[in-house]
Amino acid sequence: LLVEMLFDMLSEENPYVSIDYKFEVRYLGEKFTKKLNIGQELPYTEKDIVWRSTNEDVATVDENGVVTCVGLGSTRIIARTPDGAYSCSRTVYVEYSWWQKILNAITFGQISYV
């Protein structure tokens, strides 16, 4: 499965917690993390950040921010401070790669555009 990572902030004006912006391509089973930027004004470290996935059928995230893509669809990965005052997120889209589309077409006679 191909994963396309599109980053977007919950708040454009949030200078305190952010995830590096970059387009990513990943495959099912891969685990990855991205650098989390925390403003020096905040009394938190990366270990304090609370991570969450809005759809764990698509991607899961552990307490260290390690994301694993597990299914087709989309989800938001959210990082927030323990007090909930600051947060940021990115959208994760998971879809079949070109070779998986071909394999599905040959094996099952199915063509998927997801």
PDB file of N, CA and C in Angstrom:
ATOM      1  N   LEU A   1       0.849  -1.186   0.000  1.00  0.00           N
ATOM      2  CA  LEU A   1       0.000   0.000   0.000  1.00  0.00           C
ATOM      3  C   LEU A   1       0.885   1.236   0.000  1.00  0.00           C
ATOM      4  N   LEU A   2       0.501   2.175  -0.781  1.00  0.00           N
ATOM      5  CA  LEU A   2       1.242   3.416  -0.892  1.00  0.00           C
ATOM      6  C   LEU A   2       0.663   4.438   0.064  1.00  0.00           C
ATOM      7  N   VAL A   3       1.513   5.123   0.745  1.00  0.00           N
ATOM      8  CA  VAL A   3       1.058   6.137   1.687  1.00  0.00           C
ATOM      9  C   VAL A   3       1.537   7.490   1.212  1.00  0.00           C
ATOM     10  N   GLU A   4       0.615   8.396   1.071  1.00  0.00           N
ATOM     11  CA  GLU A   4       0.960   9.752   0.717  1.00  0.00           C
ATOM     12  C   GLU A   4       0.727  10.615   1.943  1.00  0.00           C
ATOM     13  N   MET A   5       1.749  11.292   2.391  1.00  0.00           N
ATOM     14  CA  MET A   5       1.653  12.120   3.589  1.00  0.00           C
ATOM     15  C   MET A   5       1.513  13.582   3.175  1.00  0.00           C
ATOM     16  N   LEU A   6       0.444  14.186   3.602  1.00  0.00           N
ATOM     17  CA  LEU A   6       0.248  15.611   3.388  1.00  0.00           C
ATOM     18  C   LEU A   6       0.123  16.252   4.757  1.00  0.00           C
ATOM     19  N   PHE A   7       0.964  17.209   5.024  1.00  0.00           N
ATOM     20  CA  PHE A   7       1.000  17.828   6.340  1.00  0.00           C
ATOM     21  C   PHE A   7       0.145  19.087   6.346  1.00  0.00           C
ATOM     22  N   ASP A   8      -0.606  19.271   7.405  1.00  0.00           N
ATOM     23  CA  ASP A   8      -1.331  20.519   7.563  1.00  0.00           C
ATOM     24  C   ASP A   8      -1.563  20.771   9.041  1.00  0.00           C
ATOM     25  N   MET A   9      -1.497  22.023   9.392  1.00  0.00           N
ATOM     26  CA  MET A   9      -1.621  22.424  10.789  1.00  0.00           C
ATOM     27  C   MET A   9      -3.083  22.622  11.146  1.00  0.00           C
ATOM     28  N   LEU A  10      -3.422  22.331  12.385  1.00  0.00           N
ATOM     29  CA  LEU A  10      -4.754  22.659  12.885  1.00  0.00           C
ATOM     30  C   LEU A  10      -4.889  24.173  13.016  1.00  0.00           C
ATOM     31  N   SER A  11      -3.803  24.819  13.381  1.00  0.00           N
ATOM     32  CA  SER A  11      -3.802  26.270  13.531  1.00  0.00           C
ATOM     33  C   SER A  11      -2.603  26.843  12.793  1.00  0.00           C
ATOM     34  N   GLU A  12      -2.845  27.633  11.770  1.00  0.00           N
ATOM     35  CA  GLU A  12      -1.759  28.233  10.999  1.00  0.00           C
ATOM     36  C   GLU A  12      -0.880  29.136  11.851  1.00  0.00           C
ATOM     37  N   GLU A  13      -1.438  29.706  12.906  1.00  0.00           N
ATOM     38  CA  GLU A  13      -0.710  30.657  13.740  1.00  0.00           C
ATOM     39  C   GLU A  13       0.008  29.996  14.908  1.00  0.00           C
ATOM     40  N   ASN A  14       0.086  28.668  14.951  1.00  0.00           N
ATOM     41  CA  ASN A  14       0.661  27.949  16.071  1.00  0.00           C
ATOM     42  C   ASN A  14       2.181  27.879  15.937  1.00  0.00           C
ATOM     43  N   PRO A  15       2.926  28.695  16.684  1.00  0.00           N
ATOM     44  CA  PRO A  15       4.380  28.646  16.605  1.00  0.00           C
ATOM     45  C   PRO A  15       4.998  27.686  17.625  1.00  0.00           C
ATOM     46  N   TYR A  16       4.169  27.004  18.399  1.00  0.00           N
ATOM     47  CA  TYR A  16       4.682  26.245  19.536  1.00  0.00           C
ATOM     48  C   TYR A  16       4.862  24.757  19.291  1.00  0.00           C
ATOM     49  N   VAL A  17       3.964  24.131  18.541  1.00  0.00           N
ATOM     50  CA  VAL A  17       4.079  22.703  18.249  1.00  0.00           C
ATOM     51  C   VAL A  17       3.822  22.512  16.768  1.00  0.00           C
ATOM     52  N   SER A  18       4.765  21.911  16.053  1.00  0.00           N
ATOM     53  CA  SER A  18       4.561  21.665  14.624  1.00  0.00           C
ATOM     54  C   SER A  18       5.305  20.416  14.196  1.00  0.00           C
ATOM     55  N   ILE A  19       4.811  19.790  13.150  1.00  0.00           N
ATOM     56  CA  ILE A  19       5.450  18.634  12.544  1.00  0.00           C
ATOM     57  C   ILE A  19       6.042  19.122  11.234  1.00  0.00           C
ATOM     58  N   ASP A  20       7.269  18.670  10.935  1.00  0.00           N
ATOM     59  CA  ASP A  20       7.911  19.083   9.687  1.00  0.00           C
ATOM     60  C   ASP A  20       6.991  18.842   8.495  1.00  0.00           C
ATOM     61  N   TYR A  21       6.891  19.832   7.617  1.00  0.00           N
ATOM     62  CA  TYR A  21       6.081  19.724   6.411  1.00  0.00           C
ATOM     63  C   TYR A  21       6.898  19.052   5.320  1.00  0.00           C
ATOM     64  N   LYS A  22       6.347  17.982   4.739  1.00  0.00           N
ATOM     65  CA  LYS A  22       7.009  17.319   3.631  1.00  0.00           C
ATOM     66  C   LYS A  22       6.065  16.273   3.071  1.00  0.00           C
ATOM     67  N   PHE A  23       6.081  16.097   1.771  1.00  0.00           N
ATOM     68  CA  PHE A  23       5.293  15.038   1.135  1.00  0.00           C
ATOM     69  C   PHE A  23       6.057  13.729   1.296  1.00  0.00           C
ATOM     70  N   GLU A  24       5.354  12.668   1.683  1.00  0.00           N
ATOM     71  CA  GLU A  24       5.978  11.375   1.932  1.00  0.00           C
ATOM     72  C   GLU A  24       5.295  10.282   1.128  1.00  0.00           C
ATOM     73  N   VAL A  25       6.016   9.297   0.722  1.00  0.00           N
ATOM     74  CA  VAL A  25       5.463   8.093   0.116  1.00  0.00           C
ATOM     75  C   VAL A  25       5.958   6.920   0.956  1.00  0.00           C
ATOM     76  N   ARG A  26       5.015   6.116   1.460  1.00  0.00           N
ATOM     77  CA  ARG A  26       5.333   4.967   2.312  1.00  0.00           C
ATOM     78  C   ARG A  26       4.532   3.751   1.871  1.00  0.00           C
ATOM     79  N   TYR A  27       4.941   2.579   2.331  1.00  0.00           N
ATOM     80  CA  TYR A  27       4.247   1.340   2.003  1.00  0.00           C
ATOM     81  C   TYR A  27       3.740   0.653   3.259  1.00  0.00           C
ATOM     82  N   LEU A  28       2.706  -0.151   3.101  1.00  0.00           N
ATOM     83  CA  LEU A  28       2.099  -0.879   4.212  1.00  0.00           C
ATOM     84  C   LEU A  28       3.165  -1.617   5.013  1.00  0.00           C
ATOM     85  N   GLY A  29       3.073  -1.516   6.334  1.00  0.00           N
ATOM     86  CA  GLY A  29       4.024  -2.190   7.215  1.00  0.00           C
ATOM     87  C   GLY A  29       5.198  -1.322   7.615  1.00  0.00           C
ATOM     88  N   GLU A  30       5.470  -0.266   6.872  1.00  0.00           N
ATOM     89  CA  GLU A  30       6.550   0.634   7.245  1.00  0.00           C
ATOM     90  C   GLU A  30       6.163   1.428   8.482  1.00  0.00           C
ATOM     91  N   LYS A  31       7.137   1.667   9.319  1.00  0.00           N
ATOM     92  CA  LYS A  31       6.945   2.522  10.478  1.00  0.00           C
ATOM     93  C   LYS A  31       7.824   3.744  10.279  1.00  0.00           C
ATOM     94  N   PHE A  32       7.322   4.897  10.670  1.00  0.00           N
ATOM     95  CA  PHE A  32       8.100   6.105  10.482  1.00  0.00           C
ATOM     96  C   PHE A  32       7.747   7.144  11.543  1.00  0.00           C
ATOM     97  N   THR A  33       8.621   8.089  11.711  1.00  0.00           N
ATOM     98  CA  THR A  33       8.378   9.245  12.570  1.00  0.00           C
ATOM     99  C   THR A  33       8.833  10.479  11.814  1.00  0.00           C
ATOM    100  N   LYS A  34       8.330  11.613  12.203  1.00  0.00           N
ATOM    101  CA  LYS A  34       8.792  12.884  11.659  1.00  0.00           C
ATOM    102  C   LYS A  34       9.203  13.768  12.813  1.00  0.00           C
ATOM    103  N   LYS A  35      10.118  14.663  12.542  1.00  0.00           N
ATOM    104  CA  LYS A  35      10.596  15.569  13.581  1.00  0.00           C
ATOM    105  C   LYS A  35       9.453  16.443  14.075  1.00  0.00           C
ATOM    106  N   LEU A  36       9.311  16.494  15.375  1.00  0.00           N
ATOM    107  CA  LEU A  36       8.314  17.340  16.011  1.00  0.00           C
ATOM    108  C   LEU A  36       9.025  18.559  16.566  1.00  0.00           C
ATOM    109  N   ASN A  37       8.568  19.729  16.198  1.00  0.00           N
ATOM    110  CA  ASN A  37       9.151  20.972  16.684  1.00  0.00           C
ATOM    111  C   ASN A  37       8.315  21.514  17.833  1.00  0.00           C
ATOM    112  N   ILE A  38       8.963  21.714  18.977  1.00  0.00           N
ATOM    113  CA  ILE A  38       8.276  22.242  20.155  1.00  0.00           C
ATOM    114  C   ILE A  38       8.948  23.556  20.524  1.00  0.00           C
ATOM    115  N   GLY A  39       8.151  24.604  20.650  1.00  0.00           N
ATOM    116  CA  GLY A  39       8.691  25.920  20.980  1.00  0.00           C
ATOM    117  C   GLY A  39       9.441  25.921  22.303  1.00  0.00           C
ATOM    118  N   GLN A  40      10.535  26.661  22.356  1.00  0.00           N
ATOM    119  CA  GLN A  40      11.346  26.737  23.572  1.00  0.00           C
ATOM    120  C   GLN A  40      10.589  27.342  24.736  1.00  0.00           C
ATOM    121  N   GLU A  41       9.525  28.088  24.443  1.00  0.00           N
ATOM    122  CA  GLU A  41       8.740  28.723  25.489  1.00  0.00           C
ATOM    123  C   GLU A  41       7.921  27.711  26.288  1.00  0.00           C
ATOM    124  N   LEU A  42       7.700  26.526  25.708  1.00  0.00           N
ATOM    125  CA  LEU A  42       6.870  25.511  26.364  1.00  0.00           C
ATOM    126  C   LEU A  42       7.709  24.618  27.269  1.00  0.00           C
ATOM    127  N   PRO A  43       7.129  24.202  28.399  1.00  0.00           N
ATOM    128  CA  PRO A  43       7.880  23.362  29.347  1.00  0.00           C
ATOM    129  C   PRO A  43       7.784  21.868  29.019  1.00  0.00           C
ATOM    130  N   TYR A  44       7.680  21.512  27.729  1.00  0.00           N
ATOM    131  CA  TYR A  44       7.486  20.122  27.346  1.00  0.00           C
ATOM    132  C   TYR A  44       8.625  19.636  26.464  1.00  0.00           C
ATOM    133  N   THR A  45       8.805  18.318  26.467  1.00  0.00           N
ATOM    134  CA  THR A  45       9.730  17.663  25.542  1.00  0.00           C
ATOM    135  C   THR A  45       8.899  16.751  24.641  1.00  0.00           C
ATOM    136  N   GLU A  46       9.547  16.129  23.656  1.00  0.00           N
ATOM    137  CA  GLU A  46       8.825  15.224  22.761  1.00  0.00           C
ATOM    138  C   GLU A  46       8.191  14.068  23.532  1.00  0.00           C
ATOM    139  N   LYS A  47       8.790  13.672  24.637  1.00  0.00           N
ATOM    140  CA  LYS A  47       8.250  12.568  25.435  1.00  0.00           C
ATOM    141  C   LYS A  47       6.927  12.934  26.102  1.00  0.00           C
ATOM    142  N   ASP A  48       6.652  14.232  26.257  1.00  0.00           N
ATOM    143  CA  ASP A  48       5.415  14.689  26.892  1.00  0.00           C
ATOM    144  C   ASP A  48       4.239  14.760  25.920  1.00  0.00           C
ATOM    145  N   ILE A  49       4.529  14.795  24.631  1.00  0.00           N
ATOM    146  CA  ILE A  49       3.487  15.002  23.625  1.00  0.00           C
ATOM    147  C   ILE A  49       2.540  13.804  23.571  1.00  0.00           C
ATOM    148  N   VAL A  50       1.251  14.080  23.423  1.00  0.00           N
ATOM    149  CA  VAL A  50       0.223  13.048  23.311  1.00  0.00           C
ATOM    150  C   VAL A  50      -0.113  12.883  21.829  1.00  0.00           C
ATOM    151  N   TRP A  51       0.015  11.651  21.334  1.00  0.00           N
ATOM    152  CA  TRP A  51      -0.234  11.347  19.928  1.00  0.00           C
ATOM    153  C   TRP A  51      -1.544  10.599  19.778  1.00  0.00           C
ATOM    154  N   ARG A  52      -2.206  10.805  18.615  1.00  0.00           N
ATOM    155  CA  ARG A  52      -3.477  10.132  18.371  1.00  0.00           C
ATOM    156  C   ARG A  52      -3.727  10.036  16.873  1.00  0.00           C
ATOM    157  N   SER A  53      -4.367   8.943  16.468  1.00  0.00           N
ATOM    158  CA  SER A  53      -4.830   8.765  15.096  1.00  0.00           C
ATOM    159  C   SER A  53      -6.352   8.825  15.128  1.00  0.00           C
ATOM    160  N   THR A  54      -6.946   9.529  14.181  1.00  0.00           N
ATOM    161  CA  THR A  54      -8.401   9.619  14.153  1.00  0.00           C
ATOM    162  C   THR A  54      -9.052   8.397  13.517  1.00  0.00           C
ATOM    163  N   ASN A  55      -8.259   7.548  12.845  1.00  0.00           N
ATOM    164  CA  ASN A  55      -8.792   6.319  12.246  1.00  0.00           C
ATOM    165  C   ASN A  55      -7.716   5.240  12.318  1.00  0.00           C
ATOM    166  N   GLU A  56      -7.755   4.447  13.366  1.00  0.00           N
ATOM    167  CA  GLU A  56      -6.727   3.434  13.571  1.00  0.00           C
ATOM    168  C   GLU A  56      -6.858   2.241  12.629  1.00  0.00           C
ATOM    169  N   ASP A  57      -7.913   2.195  11.817  1.00  0.00           N
ATOM    170  CA  ASP A  57      -8.009   1.175  10.777  1.00  0.00           C
ATOM    171  C   ASP A  57      -7.103   1.517   9.600  1.00  0.00           C
ATOM    172  N   VAL A  58      -6.656   2.757   9.520  1.00  0.00           N
ATOM    173  CA  VAL A  58      -5.774   3.217   8.449  1.00  0.00           C
ATOM    174  C   VAL A  58      -4.336   3.331   8.937  1.00  0.00           C
ATOM    175  N   ALA A  59      -4.131   4.002  10.060  1.00  0.00           N
ATOM    176  CA  ALA A  59      -2.784   4.165  10.615  1.00  0.00           C
ATOM    177  C   ALA A  59      -2.874   4.272  12.126  1.00  0.00           C
ATOM    178  N   THR A  60      -1.895   3.684  12.786  1.00  0.00           N
ATOM    179  CA  THR A  60      -1.807   3.785  14.235  1.00  0.00           C
ATOM    180  C   THR A  60      -0.588   4.629  14.578  1.00  0.00           C
ATOM    181  N   VAL A  61      -0.587   5.192  15.774  1.00  0.00           N
ATOM    182  CA  VAL A  61       0.558   5.966  16.243  1.00  0.00           C
ATOM    183  C   VAL A  61       0.779   5.623  17.709  1.00  0.00           C
ATOM    184  N   ASP A  62       2.035   5.380  18.075  1.00  0.00           N
ATOM    185  CA  ASP A  62       2.301   5.021  19.467  1.00  0.00           C
ATOM    186  C   ASP A  62       2.689   6.249  20.281  1.00  0.00           C
ATOM    187  N   GLU A  63       3.003   6.038  21.553  1.00  0.00           N
ATOM    188  CA  GLU A  63       3.293   7.150  22.463  1.00  0.00           C
ATOM    189  C   GLU A  63       4.565   7.912  22.104  1.00  0.00           C
ATOM    190  N   ASN A  64       5.390   7.342  21.219  1.00  0.00           N
ATOM    191  CA  ASN A  64       6.615   8.009  20.776  1.00  0.00           C
ATOM    192  C   ASN A  64       6.456   8.683  19.421  1.00  0.00           C
ATOM    193  N   GLY A  65       5.242   8.659  18.859  1.00  0.00           N
ATOM    194  CA  GLY A  65       4.997   9.279  17.559  1.00  0.00           C
ATOM    195  C   GLY A  65       5.352   8.397  16.379  1.00  0.00           C
ATOM    196  N   VAL A  66       5.551   7.100  16.605  1.00  0.00           N
ATOM    197  CA  VAL A  66       5.847   6.176  15.511  1.00  0.00           C
ATOM    198  C   VAL A  66       4.531   5.786  14.842  1.00  0.00           C
ATOM    199  N   VAL A  67       4.424   6.088  13.557  1.00  0.00           N
ATOM    200  CA  VAL A  67       3.205   5.834  12.792  1.00  0.00           C
ATOM    201  C   VAL A  67       3.390   4.559  11.974  1.00  0.00           C
ATOM    202  N   THR A  68       2.360   3.689  11.986  1.00  0.00           N
ATOM    203  CA  THR A  68       2.351   2.476  11.176  1.00  0.00           C
ATOM    204  C   THR A  68       1.096   2.486  10.318  1.00  0.00           C
ATOM    205  N   CYS A  69       1.260   2.325   9.015  1.00  0.00           N
ATOM    206  CA  CYS A  69       0.119   2.304   8.094  1.00  0.00           C
ATOM    207  C   CYS A  69      -0.406   0.883   7.994  1.00  0.00           C
ATOM    208  N   VAL A  70      -1.714   0.731   8.261  1.00  0.00           N
ATOM    209  CA  VAL A  70      -2.278  -0.613   8.374  1.00  0.00           C
ATOM    210  C   VAL A  70      -3.469  -0.887   7.451  1.00  0.00           C
ATOM    211  N   GLY A  71      -3.990   0.102   6.741  1.00  0.00           N
ATOM    212  CA  GLY A  71      -5.150  -0.129   5.888  1.00  0.00           C
ATOM    213  C   GLY A  71      -5.391   1.000   4.903  1.00  0.00           C
ATOM    214  N   LEU A  72      -6.370   0.808   4.015  1.00  0.00           N
ATOM    215  CA  LEU A  72      -6.721   1.811   3.007  1.00  0.00           C
ATOM    216  C   LEU A  72      -7.587   2.906   3.601  1.00  0.00           C
ATOM    217  N   GLY A  73      -7.439   4.124   3.106  1.00  0.00           N
ATOM    218  CA  GLY A  73      -8.276   5.232   3.534  1.00  0.00           C
ATOM    219  C   GLY A  73      -7.447   6.424   3.956  1.00  0.00           C
ATOM    220  N   SER A  74      -8.030   7.231   4.853  1.00  0.00           N
ATOM    221  CA  SER A  74      -7.310   8.403   5.337  1.00  0.00           C
ATOM    222  C   SER A  74      -7.552   8.576   6.830  1.00  0.00           C
ATOM    223  N   THR A  75      -6.629   9.249   7.464  1.00  0.00           N
ATOM    224  CA  THR A  75      -6.716   9.553   8.885  1.00  0.00           C
ATOM    225  C   THR A  75      -5.890  10.794   9.172  1.00  0.00           C
ATOM    226  N   ARG A  76      -6.089  11.361  10.329  1.00  0.00           N
ATOM    227  CA  ARG A  76      -5.258  12.479  10.773  1.00  0.00           C
ATOM    228  C   ARG A  76      -4.417  11.994  11.944  1.00  0.00           C
ATOM    229  N   ILE A  77      -3.141  12.311  11.905  1.00  0.00           N
ATOM    230  CA  ILE A  77      -2.249  12.042  13.022  1.00  0.00           C
ATOM    231  C   ILE A  77      -2.117  13.358  13.771  1.00  0.00           C
ATOM    232  N   ILE A  78      -2.477  13.334  15.043  1.00  0.00           N
ATOM    233  CA  ILE A  78      -2.509  14.557  15.850  1.00  0.00           C
ATOM    234  C   ILE A  78      -1.481  14.469  16.962  1.00  0.00           C
ATOM    235  N   ALA A  79      -0.715  15.544  17.134  1.00  0.00           N
ATOM    236  CA  ALA A  79       0.220  15.688  18.255  1.00  0.00           C
ATOM    237  C   ALA A  79      -0.249  16.892  19.066  1.00  0.00           C
ATOM    238  N   ARG A  80      -0.380  16.712  20.390  1.00  0.00           N
ATOM    239  CA  ARG A  80      -0.820  17.831  21.214  1.00  0.00           C
ATOM    240  C   ARG A  80      -0.060  17.861  22.524  1.00  0.00           C
ATOM    241  N   THR A  81      -0.007  19.033  23.119  1.00  0.00           N
ATOM    242  CA  THR A  81       0.626  19.164  24.426  1.00  0.00           C
ATOM    243  C   THR A  81      -0.280  18.516  25.470  1.00  0.00           C
ATOM    244  N   PRO A  82       0.271  18.089  26.609  1.00  0.00           N
ATOM    245  CA  PRO A  82      -0.536  17.409  27.623  1.00  0.00           C
ATOM    246  C   PRO A  82      -1.728  18.232  28.123  1.00  0.00           C
ATOM    247  N   ASP A  83      -1.584  19.552  28.141  1.00  0.00           N
ATOM    248  CA  ASP A  83      -2.693  20.397  28.596  1.00  0.00           C
ATOM    249  C   ASP A  83      -3.699  20.690  27.486  1.00  0.00           C
ATOM    250  N   GLY A  84      -3.398  20.248  26.259  1.00  0.00           N
ATOM    251  CA  GLY A  84      -4.302  20.442  25.129  1.00  0.00           C
ATOM    252  C   GLY A  84      -4.292  21.844  24.557  1.00  0.00           C
ATOM    253  N   ALA A  85      -3.409  22.694  25.046  1.00  0.00           N
ATOM    254  CA  ALA A  85      -3.385  24.087  24.592  1.00  0.00           C
ATOM    255  C   ALA A  85      -2.863  24.234  23.164  1.00  0.00           C
ATOM    256  N   TYR A  86      -1.931  23.381  22.748  1.00  0.00           N
ATOM    257  CA  TYR A  86      -1.339  23.475  21.420  1.00  0.00           C
ATOM    258  C   TYR A  86      -1.355  22.107  20.760  1.00  0.00           C
ATOM    259  N   SER A  87      -1.651  22.107  19.471  1.00  0.00           N
ATOM    260  CA  SER A  87      -1.640  20.856  18.731  1.00  0.00           C
ATOM    261  C   SER A  87      -1.366  21.111  17.260  1.00  0.00           C
ATOM    262  N   CYS A  88      -1.007  20.055  16.559  1.00  0.00           N
ATOM    263  CA  CYS A  88      -0.825  20.115  15.115  1.00  0.00           C
ATOM    264  C   CYS A  88      -1.183  18.748  14.571  1.00  0.00           C
ATOM    265  N   SER A  89      -1.385  18.667  13.274  1.00  0.00           N
ATOM    266  CA  SER A  89      -1.746  17.382  12.688  1.00  0.00           C
ATOM    267  C   SER A  89      -1.284  17.304  11.248  1.00  0.00           C
ATOM    268  N   ARG A  90      -1.366  16.107  10.715  1.00  0.00           N
ATOM    269  CA  ARG A  90      -1.166  15.906   9.287  1.00  0.00           C
ATOM    270  C   ARG A  90      -2.126  14.818   8.848  1.00  0.00           C
ATOM    271  N   THR A  91      -2.504  14.858   7.596  1.00  0.00           N
ATOM    272  CA  THR A  91      -3.414  13.866   7.040  1.00  0.00           C
ATOM    273  C   THR A  91      -2.598  12.773   6.374  1.00  0.00           C
ATOM    274  N   VAL A  92      -2.991  11.538   6.609  1.00  0.00           N
ATOM    275  CA  VAL A  92      -2.337  10.390   6.006  1.00  0.00           C
ATOM    276  C   VAL A  92      -3.336   9.726   5.070  1.00  0.00           C
ATOM    277  N   TYR A  93      -2.941   9.552   3.816  1.00  0.00           N
ATOM    278  CA  TYR A  93      -3.753   8.842   2.834  1.00  0.00           C
ATOM    279  C   TYR A  93      -3.044   7.529   2.518  1.00  0.00           C
ATOM    280  N   VAL A  94      -3.745   6.414   2.618  1.00  0.00           N
ATOM    281  CA  VAL A  94      -3.170   5.108   2.315  1.00  0.00           C
ATOM    282  C   VAL A  94      -3.926   4.535   1.121  1.00  0.00           C
ATOM    283  N   GLU A  95      -3.174   4.121   0.114  1.00  0.00           N
ATOM    284  CA  GLU A  95      -3.792   3.554  -1.087  1.00  0.00           C
ATOM    285  C   GLU A  95      -2.903   2.454  -1.641  1.00  0.00           C
ATOM    286  N   TYR A  96      -3.441   1.697  -2.607  1.00  0.00           N
ATOM    287  CA  TYR A  96      -2.640   0.669  -3.253  1.00  0.00           C
ATOM    288  C   TYR A  96      -1.542   1.293  -4.091  1.00  0.00           C
ATOM    289  N   SER A  97      -0.396   0.638  -4.108  1.00  0.00           N
ATOM    290  CA  SER A  97       0.674   1.053  -5.006  1.00  0.00           C
ATOM    291  C   SER A  97       0.358   0.525  -6.405  1.00  0.00           C
ATOM    292  N   TRP A  98       1.080   0.965  -7.409  1.00  0.00           N
ATOM    293  CA  TRP A  98       0.804   0.544  -8.788  1.00  0.00           C
ATOM    294  C   TRP A  98       0.915  -0.956  -8.937  1.00  0.00           C
ATOM    295  N   TRP A  99       1.917  -1.576  -8.317  1.00  0.00           N
ATOM    296  CA  TRP A  99       2.094  -3.017  -8.470  1.00  0.00           C
ATOM    297  C   TRP A  99       1.010  -3.796  -7.717  1.00  0.00           C
ATOM    298  N   GLN A 100       0.500  -3.249  -6.620  1.00  0.00           N
ATOM    299  CA  GLN A 100      -0.603  -3.913  -5.921  1.00  0.00           C
ATOM    300  C   GLN A 100      -1.894  -3.830  -6.734  1.00  0.00           C
ATOM    301  N   LYS A 101      -2.090  -2.720  -7.450  1.00  0.00           N
ATOM    302  CA  LYS A 101      -3.256  -2.609  -8.332  1.00  0.00           C
ATOM    303  C   LYS A 101      -3.191  -3.666  -9.426  1.00  0.00           C
ATOM    304  N   ILE A 102      -2.006  -3.852 -10.008  1.00  0.00           N
ATOM    305  CA  ILE A 102      -1.831  -4.857 -11.056  1.00  0.00           C
ATOM    306  C   ILE A 102      -2.044  -6.253 -10.490  1.00  0.00           C
ATOM    307  N   LEU A 103      -1.474  -6.523  -9.311  1.00  0.00           N
ATOM    308  CA  LEU A 103      -1.632  -7.832  -8.674  1.00  0.00           C
ATOM    309  C   LEU A 103      -3.103  -8.132  -8.382  1.00  0.00           C
ATOM    310  N   ASN A 104      -3.844  -7.136  -7.888  1.00  0.00           N
ATOM    311  CA  ASN A 104      -5.283  -7.313  -7.638  1.00  0.00           C
ATOM    312  C   ASN A 104      -6.030  -7.594  -8.932  1.00  0.00           C
ATOM    313  N   ALA A 105      -5.676  -6.876 -10.007  1.00  0.00           N
ATOM    314  CA  ALA A 105      -6.357  -7.064 -11.285  1.00  0.00           C
ATOM    315  C   ALA A 105      -6.116  -8.473 -11.816  1.00  0.00           C
ATOM    316  N   ILE A 106      -4.885  -8.960 -11.686  1.00  0.00           N
ATOM    317  CA  ILE A 106      -4.559 -10.304 -12.186  1.00  0.00           C
ATOM    318  C   ILE A 106      -5.173 -11.379 -11.290  1.00  0.00           C
ATOM    319  N   THR A 107      -5.030 -11.214  -9.980  1.00  0.00           N
ATOM    320  CA  THR A 107      -5.470 -12.241  -9.039  1.00  0.00           C
ATOM    321  C   THR A 107      -6.978 -12.295  -8.875  1.00  0.00           C
ATOM    322  N   PHE A 108      -7.583 -11.140  -8.731  1.00  0.00           N
ATOM    323  CA  PHE A 108      -9.013 -11.093  -8.402  1.00  0.00           C
ATOM    324  C   PHE A 108      -9.880 -10.518  -9.511  1.00  0.00           C
ATOM    325  N   GLY A 109      -9.260 -10.075 -10.593  1.00  0.00           N
ATOM    326  CA  GLY A 109     -10.032  -9.434 -11.650  1.00  0.00           C
ATOM    327  C   GLY A 109     -10.606  -8.104 -11.227  1.00  0.00           C
ATOM    328  N   GLN A 110      -9.956  -7.476 -10.251  1.00  0.00           N
ATOM    329  CA  GLN A 110     -10.444  -6.206  -9.716  1.00  0.00           C
ATOM    330  C   GLN A 110      -9.477  -5.086 -10.042  1.00  0.00           C
ATOM    331  N   ILE A 111     -10.036  -3.962 -10.385  1.00  0.00           N
ATOM    332  CA  ILE A 111      -9.232  -2.760 -10.576  1.00  0.00           C
ATOM    333  C   ILE A 111      -9.697  -1.740  -9.560  1.00  0.00           C
ATOM    334  N   SER A 112      -8.769  -1.213  -8.785  1.00  0.00           N
ATOM    335  CA  SER A 112      -9.100  -0.242  -7.752  1.00  0.00           C
ATOM    336  C   SER A 112      -8.398   1.067  -8.055  1.00  0.00           C
ATOM    337  N   TYR A 113      -9.100   2.142  -7.911  1.00  0.00           N
ATOM    338  CA  TYR A 113      -8.520   3.460  -8.145  1.00  0.00           C
ATOM    339  C   TYR A 113      -8.202   4.175  -6.837  1.00  0.00           C
ATOM    340  N   VAL A 114      -8.280   3.459  -5.732  1.00  0.00           N
ATOM    341  CA  VAL A 114      -7.988   4.045  -4.406  1.00  0.00           C
ATOM    342  C   VAL A 114      -6.515   4.026  -4.202  1.00  0.00           C
TER     343      VAL A 114
END
